[in-house]
């Protein structure tokens, strides 16, 4: 099973505010990383976050076994 991160943890990783994450979630189309709501709490699947970041990586290729 995938590990789920809190909005606070993702905000810290991305160096953005939690308010920015909320704005991204509310945008149409959604601009931020994929998330799920579990009993009203927003969580970010770690694997989906890594894939979202990989799609936005510019300037070169990632190593085949980078874990992204």
N, C-alpha and C. Protein backbone atom coordinates (compact mmCIF):
# COMPACT_ATOMS: atom_id res chain seq x y z
N UNK A 1 0.84 -1.19 0.00
CA UNK A 1 0.00 0.00 0.00
C UNK A 1 0.88 1.24 0.00
N UNK A 2 0.40 2.26 -0.70
CA UNK A 2 1.12 3.51 -0.84
C UNK A 2 1.16 4.26 0.49
N UNK A 3 2.22 5.01 0.70
CA UNK A 3 2.33 5.88 1.86
C UNK A 3 1.64 7.20 1.54
N UNK A 4 0.91 7.76 2.49
CA UNK A 4 0.20 9.01 2.30
C UNK A 4 0.86 10.10 3.13
N UNK A 5 1.08 11.26 2.51
CA UNK A 5 1.69 12.40 3.17
C UNK A 5 0.64 13.46 3.49
N UNK A 6 0.88 14.20 4.55
CA UNK A 6 -0.02 15.30 4.91
C UNK A 6 0.26 16.49 4.00
N UNK A 7 -0.69 17.42 3.95
CA UNK A 7 -0.50 18.65 3.19
C UNK A 7 0.71 19.42 3.73
N UNK A 8 0.88 19.41 5.03
CA UNK A 8 2.02 20.11 5.64
C UNK A 8 3.34 19.51 5.15
N UNK A 9 3.43 18.19 5.13
CA UNK A 9 4.66 17.53 4.68
C UNK A 9 4.95 17.83 3.21
N UNK A 10 3.91 17.80 2.37
CA UNK A 10 4.09 18.07 0.94
C UNK A 10 4.48 19.54 0.74
N UNK A 11 3.85 20.44 1.47
CA UNK A 11 4.20 21.86 1.37
C UNK A 11 5.67 22.07 1.71
N UNK A 12 6.14 21.41 2.75
CA UNK A 12 7.55 21.53 3.14
C UNK A 12 8.47 20.96 2.07
N UNK A 13 8.11 19.82 1.50
CA UNK A 13 8.92 19.21 0.45
C UNK A 13 9.01 20.10 -0.79
N UNK A 14 7.88 20.71 -1.16
CA UNK A 14 7.83 21.53 -2.37
C UNK A 14 8.24 22.98 -2.13
N UNK A 15 8.44 23.34 -0.86
CA UNK A 15 8.79 24.72 -0.49
C UNK A 15 7.71 25.71 -0.92
N UNK A 16 6.46 25.32 -0.68
CA UNK A 16 5.31 26.19 -0.91
C UNK A 16 4.47 26.18 0.36
N UNK A 17 3.53 27.09 0.44
CA UNK A 17 2.66 27.13 1.61
C UNK A 17 1.52 26.12 1.46
N UNK A 18 0.90 25.78 2.58
CA UNK A 18 -0.28 24.92 2.53
C UNK A 18 -1.42 25.62 1.79
N UNK A 19 -1.46 26.96 1.87
CA UNK A 19 -2.47 27.72 1.15
C UNK A 19 -2.28 27.57 -0.36
N UNK A 20 -1.03 27.50 -0.82
CA UNK A 20 -0.76 27.30 -2.24
C UNK A 20 -1.26 25.93 -2.67
N UNK A 21 -1.00 24.91 -1.86
CA UNK A 21 -1.51 23.57 -2.18
C UNK A 21 -3.04 23.59 -2.28
N UNK A 22 -3.68 24.27 -1.35
CA UNK A 22 -5.15 24.35 -1.37
C UNK A 22 -5.63 25.06 -2.63
N UNK A 23 -4.94 26.13 -3.02
CA UNK A 23 -5.32 26.87 -4.24
C UNK A 23 -5.14 25.97 -5.46
N UNK A 24 -4.05 25.21 -5.51
CA UNK A 24 -3.82 24.28 -6.62
C UNK A 24 -4.93 23.23 -6.68
N UNK A 25 -5.35 22.72 -5.52
CA UNK A 25 -6.42 21.71 -5.49
C UNK A 25 -7.72 22.28 -6.02
N UNK A 26 -7.98 23.56 -5.73
CA UNK A 26 -9.23 24.17 -6.12
C UNK A 26 -9.25 24.71 -7.54
N UNK A 27 -8.10 24.73 -8.20
CA UNK A 27 -8.04 25.25 -9.57
C UNK A 27 -8.74 24.31 -10.54
N UNK A 28 -9.21 24.88 -11.63
CA UNK A 28 -9.86 24.08 -12.67
C UNK A 28 -9.17 24.36 -13.99
N UNK A 29 -8.36 23.46 -14.49
CA UNK A 29 -8.09 22.13 -13.96
C UNK A 29 -7.14 22.18 -12.76
N UNK A 30 -7.15 21.13 -11.97
CA UNK A 30 -6.29 21.02 -10.80
C UNK A 30 -4.84 21.17 -11.23
N UNK A 31 -4.09 22.01 -10.53
CA UNK A 31 -2.70 22.28 -10.90
C UNK A 31 -1.69 21.51 -10.06
N UNK A 32 -2.05 21.13 -8.88
CA UNK A 32 -1.10 20.52 -7.96
C UNK A 32 -1.03 19.01 -8.07
N UNK A 33 -0.27 18.42 -7.18
CA UNK A 33 -0.14 16.96 -7.18
C UNK A 33 -1.45 16.28 -6.82
N UNK A 34 -1.64 15.05 -7.29
CA UNK A 34 -2.86 14.30 -6.97
C UNK A 34 -2.99 14.08 -5.46
N UNK A 35 -4.22 14.18 -4.99
CA UNK A 35 -4.47 13.96 -3.57
C UNK A 35 -5.76 13.18 -3.40
N UNK A 36 -5.96 12.70 -2.20
CA UNK A 36 -7.20 12.02 -1.84
C UNK A 36 -7.70 12.63 -0.54
N UNK A 37 -9.00 12.50 -0.31
CA UNK A 37 -9.58 12.93 0.97
C UNK A 37 -9.98 11.68 1.73
N UNK A 38 -9.46 11.58 2.93
CA UNK A 38 -9.78 10.45 3.81
C UNK A 38 -10.46 11.05 5.04
N UNK A 39 -11.77 10.81 5.15
CA UNK A 39 -12.56 11.36 6.25
C UNK A 39 -12.36 12.86 6.38
N UNK A 40 -12.35 13.57 5.24
CA UNK A 40 -12.25 15.01 5.25
C UNK A 40 -10.84 15.57 5.32
N UNK A 41 -9.85 14.70 5.47
CA UNK A 41 -8.46 15.14 5.56
C UNK A 41 -7.76 14.88 4.24
N UNK A 42 -7.06 15.89 3.73
CA UNK A 42 -6.34 15.76 2.46
C UNK A 42 -5.04 15.01 2.70
N UNK A 43 -4.80 14.02 1.86
CA UNK A 43 -3.55 13.25 1.91
C UNK A 43 -3.02 13.11 0.49
N UNK A 44 -1.70 13.03 0.37
CA UNK A 44 -1.04 12.91 -0.92
C UNK A 44 -0.31 11.58 -1.00
N UNK A 45 -0.70 10.71 -1.93
CA UNK A 45 0.04 9.45 -2.09
C UNK A 45 1.47 9.76 -2.54
N UNK A 46 2.45 9.23 -1.83
CA UNK A 46 3.85 9.52 -2.12
C UNK A 46 4.21 9.17 -3.57
N UNK A 47 3.77 8.01 -4.05
CA UNK A 47 4.11 7.60 -5.41
C UNK A 47 3.53 8.57 -6.44
N UNK A 48 2.30 9.01 -6.24
CA UNK A 48 1.67 9.96 -7.16
C UNK A 48 2.40 11.30 -7.14
N UNK A 49 2.84 11.72 -5.97
CA UNK A 49 3.60 12.96 -5.85
C UNK A 49 4.91 12.85 -6.62
N UNK A 50 5.60 11.72 -6.49
CA UNK A 50 6.86 11.52 -7.21
C UNK A 50 6.63 11.52 -8.71
N UNK A 51 5.56 10.92 -9.17
CA UNK A 51 5.25 10.91 -10.61
C UNK A 51 4.91 12.32 -11.08
N UNK A 52 4.16 13.07 -10.30
CA UNK A 52 3.79 14.44 -10.64
C UNK A 52 5.05 15.29 -10.79
N UNK A 53 5.99 15.13 -9.85
CA UNK A 53 7.25 15.87 -9.93
C UNK A 53 8.07 15.45 -11.14
N UNK A 54 8.12 14.16 -11.43
CA UNK A 54 8.89 13.67 -12.57
C UNK A 54 8.38 14.25 -13.88
N UNK A 55 7.07 14.42 -14.00
CA UNK A 55 6.49 14.99 -15.20
C UNK A 55 6.84 16.47 -15.37
N UNK A 56 7.21 17.11 -14.29
CA UNK A 56 7.54 18.53 -14.33
C UNK A 56 9.03 18.79 -14.27
N UNK A 57 9.83 17.73 -14.29
CA UNK A 57 11.28 17.87 -14.25
C UNK A 57 11.78 18.30 -15.62
N UNK A 58 12.54 19.37 -15.65
CA UNK A 58 13.06 19.90 -16.92
C UNK A 58 14.58 19.75 -16.95
N UNK A 59 15.12 19.64 -18.14
CA UNK A 59 16.57 19.66 -18.28
C UNK A 59 17.24 18.35 -17.99
N UNK A 60 16.95 17.34 -18.76
CA UNK A 60 17.64 16.07 -18.60
C UNK A 60 16.72 14.97 -18.23
N UNK A 61 17.28 13.79 -18.18
CA UNK A 61 16.51 12.59 -17.87
C UNK A 61 16.86 12.10 -16.47
N UNK A 62 15.88 11.46 -15.85
CA UNK A 62 16.11 10.84 -14.56
C UNK A 62 16.74 9.47 -14.77
N UNK A 63 17.62 9.04 -13.86
CA UNK A 63 18.14 7.69 -13.95
C UNK A 63 17.01 6.67 -13.88
N UNK A 64 17.19 5.53 -14.52
CA UNK A 64 16.14 4.51 -14.59
C UNK A 64 15.69 4.06 -13.21
N UNK A 65 16.56 3.98 -12.25
CA UNK A 65 16.21 3.51 -10.90
C UNK A 65 16.25 4.64 -9.89
N UNK A 66 15.72 5.79 -10.27
CA UNK A 66 15.79 6.96 -9.39
C UNK A 66 14.76 6.93 -8.27
N UNK A 67 13.76 6.05 -8.37
CA UNK A 67 12.72 6.00 -7.37
C UNK A 67 11.63 7.02 -7.61
N UNK A 68 11.69 7.74 -8.70
CA UNK A 68 10.66 8.75 -8.99
C UNK A 68 9.50 8.17 -9.75
